Amino acid sequence: MWRSRRPVPPRPAPRPHSDSRWSPSHGWRSRPLALKLPERPGLPYAVLGAALAEAGVRVVVAKNDFAGFEKLLVEAGRTFDIVAVGGIRSGWDVVRALAKGAAAVQVGAALVEEGPGIFARLAREMRVARGERQA
């Protein structure tokens, strides 16, 4: 195999874009940061919320334990969006999670059990739960 005898110059380090936001405490902030919380965080929600805000976390994935994630929203402040995970099996569950303050929900086990048809059922049940008329 033929190889060039010339040394290959090292690649230059990537240069930051002029629109990127860099701060010494947060690093690059041009991309959203999401975090999945453990079931029992081990910190008071107010302390946890302050730490998440300082770290630049924009999205928190939290267990759909309605008392827990509602308490997280109230005590930690609304510095991030919450994705409710677990227990979403009906359109009523979706509407309730969104009403409690979740920005989105994750449909996992129900999707595996029912397949992609679950989304039509969830949409139909959400319309009923919100009191909309059937088309």
C-alpha atoms as a PDB file:
ATOM      1  CA  MET A   1       0.000   0.000   0.000  1.00  0.00           C
ATOM      2  CA  TRP A   2       1.331   3.396  -0.958  1.00  0.00           C
ATOM      3  CA  ARG A   3       1.515   6.089   1.701  1.00  0.00           C
ATOM      4  CA  SER A   4       2.421   9.694   1.383  1.00  0.00           C
ATOM      5  CA  ARG A   5       5.597  10.651   3.168  1.00  0.00           C
ATOM      6  CA  ARG A   6       4.303  14.117   3.911  1.00  0.00           C
ATOM      7  CA  PRO A   7       3.114  14.602   7.478  1.00  0.00           C
ATOM      8  CA  VAL A   8      -0.578  15.195   7.812  1.00  0.00           C
ATOM      9  CA  PRO A   9      -1.221  18.545   9.486  1.00  0.00           C
ATOM     10  CA  PRO A  10      -3.396  18.376  12.590  1.00  0.00           C
ATOM     11  CA  ARG A  11      -6.960  19.555  12.236  1.00  0.00           C
ATOM     12  CA  PRO A  12      -7.580  22.959  13.704  1.00  0.00           C
ATOM     13  CA  ALA A  13      -9.808  23.116  16.747  1.00  0.00           C
ATOM     14  CA  PRO A  14     -13.403  24.023  15.908  1.00  0.00           C
ATOM     15  CA  ARG A  15     -14.027  27.709  16.241  1.00  0.00           C
ATOM     16  CA  PRO A  16     -17.128  28.902  18.034  1.00  0.00           C
ATOM     17  CA  HIS A  17     -19.837  30.439  15.904  1.00  0.00           C
ATOM     18  CA  SER A  18     -20.435  34.094  16.425  1.00  0.00           C
ATOM     19  CA  ASP A  19     -23.995  33.363  17.591  1.00  0.00           C
ATOM     20  CA  SER A  20     -22.984  30.735  20.177  1.00  0.00           C
ATOM     21  CA  ARG A  21     -23.335  31.699  23.788  1.00  0.00           C
ATOM     22  CA  TRP A  22     -20.407  30.714  25.978  1.00  0.00           C
ATOM     23  CA  SER A  23     -20.132  31.295  29.673  1.00  0.00           C
ATOM     24  CA  PRO A  24     -17.465  29.897  31.988  1.00  0.00           C
ATOM     25  CA  SER A  25     -20.018  28.457  34.394  1.00  0.00           C
ATOM     26  CA  HIS A  26     -22.380  26.942  31.795  1.00  0.00           C
ATOM     27  CA  GLY A  27     -20.151  26.161  28.824  1.00  0.00           C
ATOM     28  CA  TRP A  28     -21.803  26.132  25.410  1.00  0.00           C
ATOM     29  CA  ARG A  29     -25.443  27.054  25.641  1.00  0.00           C
ATOM     30  CA  SER A  30     -26.396  26.768  22.006  1.00  0.00           C
ATOM     31  CA  ARG A  31     -28.130  23.400  22.578  1.00  0.00           C
ATOM     32  CA  PRO A  32     -30.888  22.591  25.035  1.00  0.00           C
ATOM     33  CA  LEU A  33     -29.949  20.423  27.982  1.00  0.00           C
ATOM     34  CA  ALA A  34     -32.400  17.854  29.316  1.00  0.00           C
ATOM     35  CA  LEU A  35     -32.158  15.774  32.471  1.00  0.00           C
ATOM     36  CA  LYS A  36     -34.057  12.738  33.692  1.00  0.00           C
ATOM     37  CA  LEU A  37     -34.626  12.899  37.408  1.00  0.00           C
ATOM     38  CA  PRO A  38     -34.387   9.801  39.578  1.00  0.00           C
ATOM     39  CA  GLU A  39     -37.568   8.680  41.304  1.00  0.00           C
ATOM     40  CA  ARG A  40     -36.394  10.159  44.593  1.00  0.00           C
ATOM     41  CA  PRO A  41     -34.029  13.080  43.916  1.00  0.00           C
ATOM     42  CA  GLY A  42     -32.716  13.284  47.495  1.00  0.00           C
ATOM     43  CA  LEU A  43     -32.699  17.087  47.523  1.00  0.00           C
ATOM     44  CA  PRO A  44     -35.419  19.567  48.392  1.00  0.00           C
ATOM     45  CA  TYR A  45     -37.156  20.619  45.184  1.00  0.00           C
ATOM     46  CA  ALA A  46     -36.237  24.286  45.690  1.00  0.00           C
ATOM     47  CA  VAL A  47     -32.518  23.409  45.924  1.00  0.00           C
ATOM     48  CA  LEU A  48     -32.829  21.050  42.974  1.00  0.00           C
ATOM     49  CA  GLY A  49     -34.565  23.721  40.882  1.00  0.00           C
ATOM     50  CA  ALA A  50     -31.864  26.281  41.634  1.00  0.00           C
ATOM     51  CA  ALA A  51     -29.120  23.808  40.694  1.00  0.00           C
ATOM     52  CA  LEU A  52     -30.901  22.890  37.450  1.00  0.00           C
ATOM     53  CA  ALA A  53     -31.372  26.543  36.521  1.00  0.00           C
ATOM     54  CA  GLU A  54     -27.717  27.297  37.254  1.00  0.00           C
ATOM     55  CA  ALA A  55     -26.650  24.372  35.061  1.00  0.00           C
ATOM     56  CA  GLY A  56     -28.789  25.665  32.199  1.00  0.00           C
ATOM     57  CA  VAL A  57     -31.154  22.688  32.144  1.00  0.00           C
ATOM     58  CA  ARG A  58     -34.174  23.507  29.963  1.00  0.00           C
ATOM     59  CA  VAL A  59     -36.109  20.226  30.101  1.00  0.00           C
ATOM     60  CA  VAL A  60     -36.627  17.831  32.993  1.00  0.00           C
ATOM     61  CA  VAL A  61     -38.004  14.338  32.490  1.00  0.00           C
ATOM     62  CA  ALA A  62     -39.875  13.389  35.646  1.00  0.00           C
ATOM     63  CA  LYS A  63     -41.972  10.454  36.759  1.00  0.00           C
ATOM     64  CA  ASN A  64     -45.665  11.011  36.198  1.00  0.00           C
ATOM     65  CA  ASP A  65     -46.366  10.893  39.908  1.00  0.00           C
ATOM     66  CA  PHE A  66     -48.786  13.778  39.946  1.00  0.00           C
ATOM     67  CA  ALA A  67     -48.091  14.893  43.507  1.00  0.00           C
ATOM     68  CA  GLY A  68     -44.326  14.740  42.941  1.00  0.00           C
ATOM     69  CA  PHE A  69     -44.020  16.589  39.670  1.00  0.00           C
ATOM     70  CA  GLU A  70     -46.583  19.185  40.699  1.00  0.00           C
ATOM     71  CA  LYS A  71     -44.546  19.822  43.855  1.00  0.00           C
ATOM     72  CA  LEU A  72     -41.407  20.066  41.685  1.00  0.00           C
ATOM     73  CA  LEU A  73     -43.053  22.752  39.535  1.00  0.00           C
ATOM     74  CA  VAL A  74     -44.299  24.730  42.525  1.00  0.00           C
ATOM     75  CA  GLU A  75     -41.148  24.599  44.663  1.00  0.00           C
ATOM     76  CA  ALA A  76     -38.449  24.616  41.972  1.00  0.00           C
ATOM     77  CA  GLY A  77     -40.002  27.382  39.923  1.00  0.00           C
ATOM     78  CA  ARG A  78     -40.806  27.354  36.229  1.00  0.00           C
ATOM     79  CA  THR A  79     -37.295  27.682  34.867  1.00  0.00           C
ATOM     80  CA  PHE A  80     -37.623  24.491  32.788  1.00  0.00           C
ATOM     81  CA  ASP A  81     -40.209  22.375  31.001  1.00  0.00           C
ATOM     82  CA  ILE A  82     -41.270  18.998  32.375  1.00  0.00           C
ATOM     83  CA  VAL A  83     -41.888  15.860  30.339  1.00  0.00           C
ATOM     84  CA  ALA A  84     -44.121  13.511  32.339  1.00  0.00           C
ATOM     85  CA  VAL A  85     -43.086   9.865  31.994  1.00  0.00           C
ATOM     86  CA  GLY A  86     -44.985   6.776  33.118  1.00  0.00           C
ATOM     87  CA  GLY A  87     -48.610   5.936  33.610  1.00  0.00           C
ATOM     88  CA  ILE A  88     -49.874   7.592  30.431  1.00  0.00           C
ATOM     89  CA  ARG A  89     -52.464   5.110  29.205  1.00  0.00           C
ATOM     90  CA  SER A  90     -55.392   7.294  28.186  1.00  0.00           C
ATOM     91  CA  GLY A  91     -56.247  10.691  26.818  1.00  0.00           C
ATOM     92  CA  TRP A  92     -57.476  11.642  30.280  1.00  0.00           C
ATOM     93  CA  ASP A  93     -53.978  10.933  31.651  1.00  0.00           C
ATOM     94  CA  VAL A  94     -52.484  13.188  28.970  1.00  0.00           C
ATOM     95  CA  VAL A  95     -54.917  16.031  29.664  1.00  0.00           C
ATOM     96  CA  ARG A  96     -54.387  15.739  33.418  1.00  0.00           C
ATOM     97  CA  ALA A  97     -50.557  15.800  33.079  1.00  0.00           C
ATOM     98  CA  LEU A  98     -50.696  18.822  30.769  1.00  0.00           C
ATOM     99  CA  ALA A  99     -53.136  20.585  33.104  1.00  0.00           C
ATOM    100  CA  LYS A 100     -50.785  19.995  36.040  1.00  0.00           C
ATOM    101  CA  GLY A 101     -47.994  21.765  34.159  1.00  0.00           C
ATOM    102  CA  ALA A 102     -46.185  19.211  32.011  1.00  0.00           C
ATOM    103  CA  ALA A 103     -45.017  20.532  28.648  1.00  0.00           C
ATOM    104  CA  ALA A 104     -45.206  17.049  27.105  1.00  0.00           C
ATOM    105  CA  VAL A 105     -45.820  13.420  27.989  1.00  0.00           C
ATOM    106  CA  GLN A 106     -44.051  10.225  27.013  1.00  0.00           C
ATOM    107  CA  VAL A 107     -46.140   7.261  25.942  1.00  0.00           C
ATOM    108  CA  GLY A 108     -44.075   4.116  26.445  1.00  0.00           C
ATOM    109  CA  ALA A 109     -45.580   0.858  27.668  1.00  0.00           C
ATOM    110  CA  ALA A 110     -48.993   1.602  26.167  1.00  0.00           C
ATOM    111  CA  LEU A 111     -47.363   2.181  22.766  1.00  0.00           C
ATOM    112  CA  VAL A 112     -45.575  -1.162  22.985  1.00  0.00           C
ATOM    113  CA  GLU A 113     -48.798  -2.931  23.971  1.00  0.00           C
ATOM    114  CA  GLU A 114     -51.173  -1.257  21.480  1.00  0.00           C
ATOM    115  CA  GLY A 115     -48.912  -0.117  18.669  1.00  0.00           C
ATOM    116  CA  PRO A 116     -49.109   3.182  16.795  1.00  0.00           C
ATOM    117  CA  GLY A 117     -52.926   3.130  16.812  1.00  0.00           C
ATOM    118  CA  ILE A 118     -52.753   4.364  20.395  1.00  0.00           C
ATOM    119  CA  PHE A 119     -52.172   7.931  19.199  1.00  0.00           C
ATOM    120  CA  ALA A 120     -55.552   8.116  17.447  1.00  0.00           C
ATOM    121  CA  ARG A 121     -57.207   6.780  20.613  1.00  0.00           C
ATOM    122  CA  LEU A 122     -55.324   9.255  22.815  1.00  0.00           C
ATOM    123  CA  ALA A 123     -56.313  12.151  20.547  1.00  0.00           C
ATOM    124  CA  ARG A 124     -59.967  11.064  20.617  1.00  0.00           C
ATOM    125  CA  GLU A 125     -59.963  10.682  24.409  1.00  0.00           C
ATOM    126  CA  MET A 126     -58.220  14.035  24.839  1.00  0.00           C
ATOM    127  CA  ARG A 127     -60.977  15.741  22.840  1.00  0.00           C
ATOM    128  CA  VAL A 128     -63.598  14.077  25.027  1.00  0.00           C
ATOM    129  CA  ALA A 129     -61.730  15.000  28.216  1.00  0.00           C
ATOM    130  CA  ARG A 130     -61.538  18.644  27.098  1.00  0.00           C
ATOM    131  CA  GLY A 131     -65.262  18.635  26.295  1.00  0.00           C
ATOM    132  CA  GLU A 132     -64.848  19.131  22.553  1.00  0.00           C
ATOM    133  CA  ARG A 133     -67.543  17.905  20.197  1.00  0.00           C
ATOM    134  CA  GLN A 134     -66.946  14.851  18.089  1.00  0.00           C
ATOM    135  CA  ALA A 135     -66.504  15.595  14.397  1.00  0.00           C
END
